[in-house]
Amino acid sequence: MIEARFAYPMTTAGDLIDGGSAGVAQRLAIGSTNQVLTVVSGAPAWAAAVGFANPMTTAGDIIDGGSSGTPQRLAIGSAGQSLIVVSGAPAWASTTPPVNAQTGTSYTLVLADAPAASANQGIVTMNNAAANTLTIPANGSVAFPVGTVISVIQLGAGQTTIAITTDTLNNPSSLTARARYSTLVLTKVATTTWVLGGDMT
C-alpha cells in the first residue's frame, strides 16, 4: 500500500498549512504581531484584531457609547458630582439642591429651582422687609415632575405668602410663613396638585 503524501509548502517558522484549490496543501505565511486568524472570502487569513482606539486621556475618565454606540471619552467629573442622564446621555452634575436667593416682593418658580440633577429638590429664600409672595406656576406652563420638593425660607422681616395659579395647593392651615426664618415646604404629589407644609401661621 502506498502512503499518500504532499509536498511540504512551509518555508518560515510559524507558517501554517491550509487547503487551497481543490484542497491542495498550501502555505499560509505567519501573520504579524497581534493579528488574529480569521476567514476572508472563504479562506483563512491574518487580520488585525477587532477593537477600538482607547479614547481616554486622564485618570478617572469613562468610556461611553456615543453616536451609534461609537466609544467616546466621558471626562471625569468634579468632586461631589454624580453621574446622571441628561438628554439621553450620561453626564456629571452636582446633586446638591440649588439655593435661589430672591430679594424682591414677588417670585414665580421655574424648573431650575428644582433641577433633575438634584433629584428635583431646591431651596428658594425670600428676603425682603416688605410682604412678599412666591407663586407656583401652572403645570401647563412649568411642568415640575411629580415628587418635586422645594423649600421656601422667609429670610427677611416681610412675611412670605405662597400662591398658586390654576392648579391645586392643599395645606393644613394657612399659606403664610409664621415668622422670619420659617421654612415652608412645597411637594408636588400629582400632575396639578401640590401640598404645602412647614412652619405656617
C-alpha atoms as a PDB file:
ATOM      1  CA  MET A   1       0.000   0.000   0.000  1.00  0.00           C
ATOM      2  CA  ILE A   2       1.380   3.378  -0.988  1.00  0.00           C
ATOM      3  CA  GLU A   3       1.056   6.138   1.641  1.00  0.00           C
ATOM      4  CA  ALA A   4      -0.415   9.404   0.311  1.00  0.00           C
ATOM      5  CA  ARG A   5       1.991  12.306   0.719  1.00  0.00           C
ATOM      6  CA  PHE A   6       2.153  16.001  -0.275  1.00  0.00           C
ATOM      7  CA  ALA A   7       4.896  18.493  -0.833  1.00  0.00           C
ATOM      8  CA  TYR A   8       5.814  20.384   2.311  1.00  0.00           C
ATOM      9  CA  PRO A   9       4.929  24.046   1.498  1.00  0.00           C
ATOM     10  CA  MET A  10       6.109  25.844   4.658  1.00  0.00           C
ATOM     11  CA  THR A  11       9.253  27.971   4.471  1.00  0.00           C
ATOM     12  CA  THR A  12       9.267  30.116   7.638  1.00  0.00           C
ATOM     13  CA  ALA A  13       8.870  29.445  11.333  1.00  0.00           C
ATOM     14  CA  GLY A  14       5.221  29.953  12.237  1.00  0.00           C
ATOM     15  CA  ASP A  15       3.838  29.168   8.769  1.00  0.00           C
ATOM     16  CA  LEU A  16       0.647  27.125   8.598  1.00  0.00           C
ATOM     17  CA  ILE A  17      -0.670  24.659   6.020  1.00  0.00           C
ATOM     18  CA  ASP A  18      -4.186  25.165   4.723  1.00  0.00           C
ATOM     19  CA  GLY A  19      -6.177  23.713   1.886  1.00  0.00           C
ATOM     20  CA  GLY A  20      -6.022  25.696  -1.312  1.00  0.00           C
ATOM     21  CA  SER A  21      -7.779  24.966  -4.620  1.00  0.00           C
ATOM     22  CA  ALA A  22      -9.380  21.517  -4.527  1.00  0.00           C
ATOM     23  CA  GLY A  23      -7.803  21.005  -1.101  1.00  0.00           C
ATOM     24  CA  VAL A  24      -4.229  21.164  -2.334  1.00  0.00           C
ATOM     25  CA  ALA A  25      -1.903  21.840   0.598  1.00  0.00           C
ATOM     26  CA  GLN A  26      -0.509  25.352   0.527  1.00  0.00           C
ATOM     27  CA  ARG A  27       1.450  27.684   2.746  1.00  0.00           C
ATOM     28  CA  LEU A  28      -0.265  30.298   4.884  1.00  0.00           C
ATOM     29  CA  ALA A  29       2.501  32.677   5.918  1.00  0.00           C
ATOM     30  CA  ILE A  30       2.675  33.661   9.567  1.00  0.00           C
ATOM     31  CA  GLY A  31       0.844  36.905  10.366  1.00  0.00           C
ATOM     32  CA  SER A  32       2.074  39.997  12.166  1.00  0.00           C
ATOM     33  CA  THR A  33       2.139  40.710  15.883  1.00  0.00           C
ATOM     34  CA  ASN A  34      -1.365  40.960  17.416  1.00  0.00           C
ATOM     35  CA  GLN A  35      -3.094  39.738  14.268  1.00  0.00           C
ATOM     36  CA  VAL A  36      -5.736  37.005  14.555  1.00  0.00           C
ATOM     37  CA  LEU A  37      -6.636  34.222  12.144  1.00  0.00           C
ATOM     38  CA  THR A  38      -9.977  34.877  10.507  1.00  0.00           C
ATOM     39  CA  VAL A  39     -11.829  33.978   7.314  1.00  0.00           C
ATOM     40  CA  VAL A  40     -11.822  36.337   4.346  1.00  0.00           C
ATOM     41  CA  SER A  41     -13.730  35.398   1.166  1.00  0.00           C
ATOM     42  CA  GLY A  42     -13.953  31.774   2.253  1.00  0.00           C
ATOM     43  CA  ALA A  43     -10.258  31.333   3.042  1.00  0.00           C
ATOM     44  CA  PRO A  44      -8.198  31.697   6.245  1.00  0.00           C
ATOM     45  CA  ALA A  45      -6.290  34.963   6.550  1.00  0.00           C
ATOM     46  CA  TRP A  46      -4.490  37.012   9.152  1.00  0.00           C
ATOM     47  CA  ALA A  47      -6.155  40.306  10.128  1.00  0.00           C
ATOM     48  CA  ALA A  48      -5.997  42.958  12.812  1.00  0.00           C
ATOM     49  CA  ALA A  49      -7.918  42.076  15.961  1.00  0.00           C
ATOM     50  CA  VAL A  50     -11.275  43.770  16.217  1.00  0.00           C
ATOM     51  CA  GLY A  51     -11.248  46.529  18.829  1.00  0.00           C
ATOM     52  CA  PHE A  52     -11.325  50.279  19.247  1.00  0.00           C
ATOM     53  CA  ALA A  53      -8.901  53.059  19.980  1.00  0.00           C
ATOM     54  CA  ASN A  54      -8.767  53.998  23.645  1.00  0.00           C
ATOM     55  CA  PRO A  55     -10.361  57.479  23.853  1.00  0.00           C
ATOM     56  CA  MET A  56      -9.424  58.074  27.497  1.00  0.00           C
ATOM     57  CA  THR A  57      -6.733  60.624  28.291  1.00  0.00           C
ATOM     58  CA  THR A  58      -6.987  61.264  32.034  1.00  0.00           C
ATOM     59  CA  ALA A  59      -7.177  59.122  35.156  1.00  0.00           C
ATOM     60  CA  GLY A  60     -10.844  58.647  36.061  1.00  0.00           C
ATOM     61  CA  ASP A  61     -12.185  59.029  32.513  1.00  0.00           C
ATOM     62  CA  ILE A  62     -15.026  56.718  31.475  1.00  0.00           C
ATOM     63  CA  ILE A  63     -15.837  55.230  28.068  1.00  0.00           C
ATOM     64  CA  ASP A  64     -19.460  55.531  26.979  1.00  0.00           C
ATOM     65  CA  GLY A  65     -21.301  54.902  23.729  1.00  0.00           C
ATOM     66  CA  GLY A  66     -21.611  57.948  21.519  1.00  0.00           C
ATOM     67  CA  SER A  67     -23.352  58.207  18.158  1.00  0.00           C
ATOM     68  CA  SER A  68     -24.423  54.719  17.021  1.00  0.00           C
ATOM     69  CA  GLY A  69     -22.589  53.286  20.020  1.00  0.00           C
ATOM     70  CA  THR A  70     -19.166  54.547  18.969  1.00  0.00           C
ATOM     71  CA  PRO A  71     -16.848  54.546  22.010  1.00  0.00           C
ATOM     72  CA  GLN A  72     -16.107  58.027  23.287  1.00  0.00           C
ATOM     73  CA  ARG A  73     -14.484  59.664  26.300  1.00  0.00           C
ATOM     74  CA  LEU A  74     -16.547  60.978  29.190  1.00  0.00           C
ATOM     75  CA  ALA A  75     -14.160  63.156  31.165  1.00  0.00           C
ATOM     76  CA  ILE A  76     -14.028  62.653  34.919  1.00  0.00           C
ATOM     77  CA  GLY A  77     -16.360  64.931  36.859  1.00  0.00           C
ATOM     78  CA  SER A  78     -15.605  67.206  39.784  1.00  0.00           C
ATOM     79  CA  ALA A  79     -15.613  66.386  43.482  1.00  0.00           C
ATOM     80  CA  GLY A  80     -19.141  65.902  44.802  1.00  0.00           C
ATOM     81  CA  GLN A  81     -20.719  65.392  41.386  1.00  0.00           C
ATOM     82  CA  SER A  82     -22.809  62.344  40.480  1.00  0.00           C
ATOM     83  CA  LEU A  83     -23.275  60.579  37.159  1.00  0.00           C
ATOM     84  CA  ILE A  84     -26.776  61.230  35.834  1.00  0.00           C
ATOM     85  CA  VAL A  85     -28.560  61.070  32.477  1.00  0.00           C
ATOM     86  CA  VAL A  86     -29.139  64.367  30.654  1.00  0.00           C
ATOM     87  CA  SER A  87     -30.958  64.350  27.298  1.00  0.00           C
ATOM     88  CA  GLY A  88     -30.353  60.623  26.901  1.00  0.00           C
ATOM     89  CA  ALA A  89     -26.625  60.699  27.629  1.00  0.00           C
ATOM     90  CA  PRO A  90     -24.538  60.256  30.794  1.00  0.00           C
ATOM     91  CA  ALA A  91     -23.216  63.452  32.340  1.00  0.00           C
ATOM     92  CA  TRP A  92     -21.623  64.623  35.563  1.00  0.00           C
ATOM     93  CA  ALA A  93     -23.691  67.055  37.610  1.00  0.00           C
ATOM     94  CA  SER A  94     -23.918  68.456  41.106  1.00  0.00           C
ATOM     95  CA  THR A  95     -26.618  66.749  43.162  1.00  0.00           C
ATOM     96  CA  THR A  96     -26.679  69.459  45.815  1.00  0.00           C
ATOM     97  CA  PRO A  97     -30.034  71.289  45.781  1.00  0.00           C
ATOM     98  CA  PRO A  98     -29.585  74.820  44.416  1.00  0.00           C
ATOM     99  CA  VAL A  99     -30.345  77.876  46.546  1.00  0.00           C
ATOM    100  CA  ASN A 100     -32.145  80.677  44.715  1.00  0.00           C
ATOM    101  CA  ALA A 101     -31.886  83.892  46.745  1.00  0.00           C
ATOM    102  CA  GLN A 102     -34.778  86.242  45.985  1.00  0.00           C
ATOM    103  CA  THR A 103     -34.871  89.818  47.290  1.00  0.00           C
ATOM    104  CA  GLY A 104     -37.972  91.158  45.573  1.00  0.00           C
ATOM    105  CA  THR A 105     -41.596  91.111  46.673  1.00  0.00           C
ATOM    106  CA  SER A 106     -42.766  88.524  44.143  1.00  0.00           C
ATOM    107  CA  TYR A 107     -41.263  85.460  42.516  1.00  0.00           C
ATOM    108  CA  THR A 108     -42.629  82.662  40.319  1.00  0.00           C
ATOM    109  CA  LEU A 109     -40.933  79.266  40.398  1.00  0.00           C
ATOM    110  CA  VAL A 110     -39.002  77.936  37.374  1.00  0.00           C
ATOM    111  CA  LEU A 111     -37.676  74.455  36.595  1.00  0.00           C
ATOM    112  CA  ALA A 112     -34.136  75.474  37.537  1.00  0.00           C
ATOM    113  CA  ASP A 113     -35.324  75.864  41.135  1.00  0.00           C
ATOM    114  CA  ALA A 114     -35.524  72.059  41.411  1.00  0.00           C
ATOM    115  CA  PRO A 115     -33.405  70.529  38.615  1.00  0.00           C
ATOM    116  CA  ALA A 116     -33.239  66.858  37.746  1.00  0.00           C
ATOM    117  CA  ALA A 117     -29.561  66.825  38.750  1.00  0.00           C
ATOM    118  CA  SER A 118     -30.539  67.425  42.389  1.00  0.00           C
ATOM    119  CA  ALA A 119     -33.369  64.852  42.294  1.00  0.00           C
ATOM    120  CA  ASN A 120     -35.854  67.685  41.696  1.00  0.00           C
ATOM    121  CA  GLN A 121     -35.156  69.380  45.000  1.00  0.00           C
ATOM    122  CA  GLY A 122     -34.337  73.011  45.637  1.00  0.00           C
ATOM    123  CA  ILE A 123     -34.382  75.935  48.054  1.00  0.00           C
ATOM    124  CA  VAL A 124     -35.751  79.438  47.477  1.00  0.00           C
ATOM    125  CA  THR A 125     -35.109  82.179  50.020  1.00  0.00           C
ATOM    126  CA  MET A 126     -37.350  85.259  50.201  1.00  0.00           C
ATOM    127  CA  ASN A 127     -35.505  88.208  51.720  1.00  0.00           C
ATOM    128  CA  ASN A 128     -37.400  91.478  51.771  1.00  0.00           C
ATOM    129  CA  ALA A 129     -38.535  93.856  54.515  1.00  0.00           C
ATOM    130  CA  ALA A 130     -41.974  94.062  52.905  1.00  0.00           C
ATOM    131  CA  ALA A 131     -44.543  91.297  52.484  1.00  0.00           C
ATOM    132  CA  ASN A 132     -43.672  89.049  49.569  1.00  0.00           C
ATOM    133  CA  THR A 133     -45.262  86.290  47.529  1.00  0.00           C
ATOM    134  CA  LEU A 134     -43.888  83.120  45.927  1.00  0.00           C
ATOM    135  CA  THR A 135     -46.109  81.731  43.171  1.00  0.00           C
ATOM    136  CA  ILE A 136     -46.363  78.153  41.909  1.00  0.00           C
ATOM    137  CA  PRO A 137     -46.948  78.269  38.125  1.00  0.00           C
ATOM    138  CA  ALA A 138     -49.495  76.068  36.368  1.00  0.00           C
ATOM    139  CA  ASN A 139     -48.240  72.648  35.293  1.00  0.00           C
ATOM    140  CA  GLY A 140     -49.194  73.597  31.750  1.00  0.00           C
ATOM    141  CA  SER A 141     -46.527  76.312  31.697  1.00  0.00           C
ATOM    142  CA  VAL A 142     -43.852  74.858  34.024  1.00  0.00           C
ATOM    143  CA  ALA A 143     -44.106  71.064  34.333  1.00  0.00           C
ATOM    144  CA  PHE A 144     -42.267  70.152  37.532  1.00  0.00           C
ATOM    145  CA  PRO A 145     -42.096  66.343  37.831  1.00  0.00           C
ATOM    146  CA  VAL A 146     -44.320  64.686  40.410  1.00  0.00           C
ATOM    147  CA  GLY A 147     -42.205  64.280  43.548  1.00  0.00           C
ATOM    148  CA  THR A 148     -40.563  67.708  43.271  1.00  0.00           C
ATOM    149  CA  VAL A 149     -39.753  69.237  46.675  1.00  0.00           C
ATOM    150  CA  ILE A 150     -38.988  72.950  47.076  1.00  0.00           C
ATOM    151  CA  SER A 151     -38.223  74.566  50.438  1.00  0.00           C
ATOM    152  CA  VAL A 152     -39.166  78.230  50.767  1.00  0.00           C
ATOM    153  CA  ILE A 153     -37.416  80.141  53.567  1.00  0.00           C
ATOM    154  CA  GLN A 154     -38.511  83.578  54.770  1.00  0.00           C
ATOM    155  CA  LEU A 155     -35.179  85.286  55.422  1.00  0.00           C
ATOM    156  CA  GLY A 156     -36.424  88.851  55.636  1.00  0.00           C
ATOM    157  CA  ALA A 157     -38.812  90.611  58.002  1.00  0.00           C
ATOM    158  CA  GLY A 158     -41.526  90.707  55.341  1.00  0.00           C
ATOM    159  CA  GLN A 159     -43.979  87.823  55.636  1.00  0.00           C
ATOM    160  CA  THR A 160     -43.830  85.278  52.824  1.00  0.00           C
ATOM    161  CA  THR A 161     -47.050  84.011  51.268  1.00  0.00           C
ATOM    162  CA  ILE A 162     -47.406  81.074  48.885  1.00  0.00           C
ATOM    163  CA  ALA A 163     -49.745  81.489  45.913  1.00  0.00           C
ATOM    164  CA  ILE A 164     -50.706  79.194  43.037  1.00  0.00           C
ATOM    165  CA  THR A 165     -52.090  79.974  39.602  1.00  0.00           C
ATOM    166  CA  THR A 166     -54.572  77.412  38.226  1.00  0.00           C
ATOM    167  CA  ASP A 167     -53.526  74.158  39.897  1.00  0.00           C
ATOM    168  CA  THR A 168     -54.354  72.873  43.386  1.00  0.00           C
ATOM    169  CA  LEU A 169     -52.446  73.681  46.584  1.00  0.00           C
ATOM    170  CA  ASN A 170     -53.501  71.735  49.677  1.00  0.00           C
ATOM    171  CA  ASN A 171     -52.391  72.935  53.111  1.00  0.00           C
ATOM    172  CA  PRO A 172     -53.272  72.180  56.745  1.00  0.00           C
ATOM    173  CA  SER A 173     -53.616  75.755  57.975  1.00  0.00           C
ATOM    174  CA  SER A 174     -52.503  78.856  56.053  1.00  0.00           C
ATOM    175  CA  LEU A 175     -50.403  79.936  53.071  1.00  0.00           C
ATOM    176  CA  THR A 176     -48.065  82.216  55.033  1.00  0.00           C
ATOM    177  CA  ALA A 177     -44.806  81.696  56.890  1.00  0.00           C
ATOM    178  CA  ARG A 178     -45.137  82.138  60.665  1.00  0.00           C
ATOM    179  CA  ALA A 179     -42.099  84.321  61.242  1.00  0.00           C
ATOM    180  CA  ARG A 180     -38.690  85.296  59.973  1.00  0.00           C
ATOM    181  CA  TYR A 181     -36.585  82.180  59.206  1.00  0.00           C
ATOM    182  CA  SER A 182     -39.676  79.968  58.962  1.00  0.00           C
ATOM    183  CA  THR A 183     -39.429  77.280  56.301  1.00  0.00           C
ATOM    184  CA  LEU A 184     -42.331  76.236  54.093  1.00  0.00           C
ATOM    185  CA  VAL A 185     -42.070  73.033  52.051  1.00  0.00           C
ATOM    186  CA  LEU A 186     -43.817  72.550  48.719  1.00  0.00           C
ATOM    187  CA  THR A 187     -44.245  68.969  47.482  1.00  0.00           C
ATOM    188  CA  LYS A 188     -45.774  68.103  44.120  1.00  0.00           C
ATOM    189  CA  VAL A 189     -47.884  64.983  44.692  1.00  0.00           C
ATOM    190  CA  ALA A 190     -49.750  64.810  41.357  1.00  0.00           C
ATOM    191  CA  THR A 191     -49.596  66.483  37.947  1.00  0.00           C
ATOM    192  CA  THR A 192     -51.588  69.520  39.070  1.00  0.00           C
ATOM    193  CA  THR A 193     -51.525  69.103  42.854  1.00  0.00           C
ATOM    194  CA  TRP A 194     -49.099  70.451  45.450  1.00  0.00           C
ATOM    195  CA  VAL A 195     -49.057  70.100  49.235  1.00  0.00           C
ATOM    196  CA  LEU A 196     -47.754  72.870  51.488  1.00  0.00           C
ATOM    197  CA  GLY A 197     -46.217  72.028  54.857  1.00  0.00           C
ATOM    198  CA  GLY A 198     -43.814  73.553  57.335  1.00  0.00           C
ATOM    199  CA  ASP A 199     -43.823  76.445  59.789  1.00  0.00           C
ATOM    200  CA  MET A 200     -47.042  78.224  58.811  1.00  0.00           C
ATOM    201  CA  THR A 201     -49.247  80.707  60.696  1.00  0.00           C
END
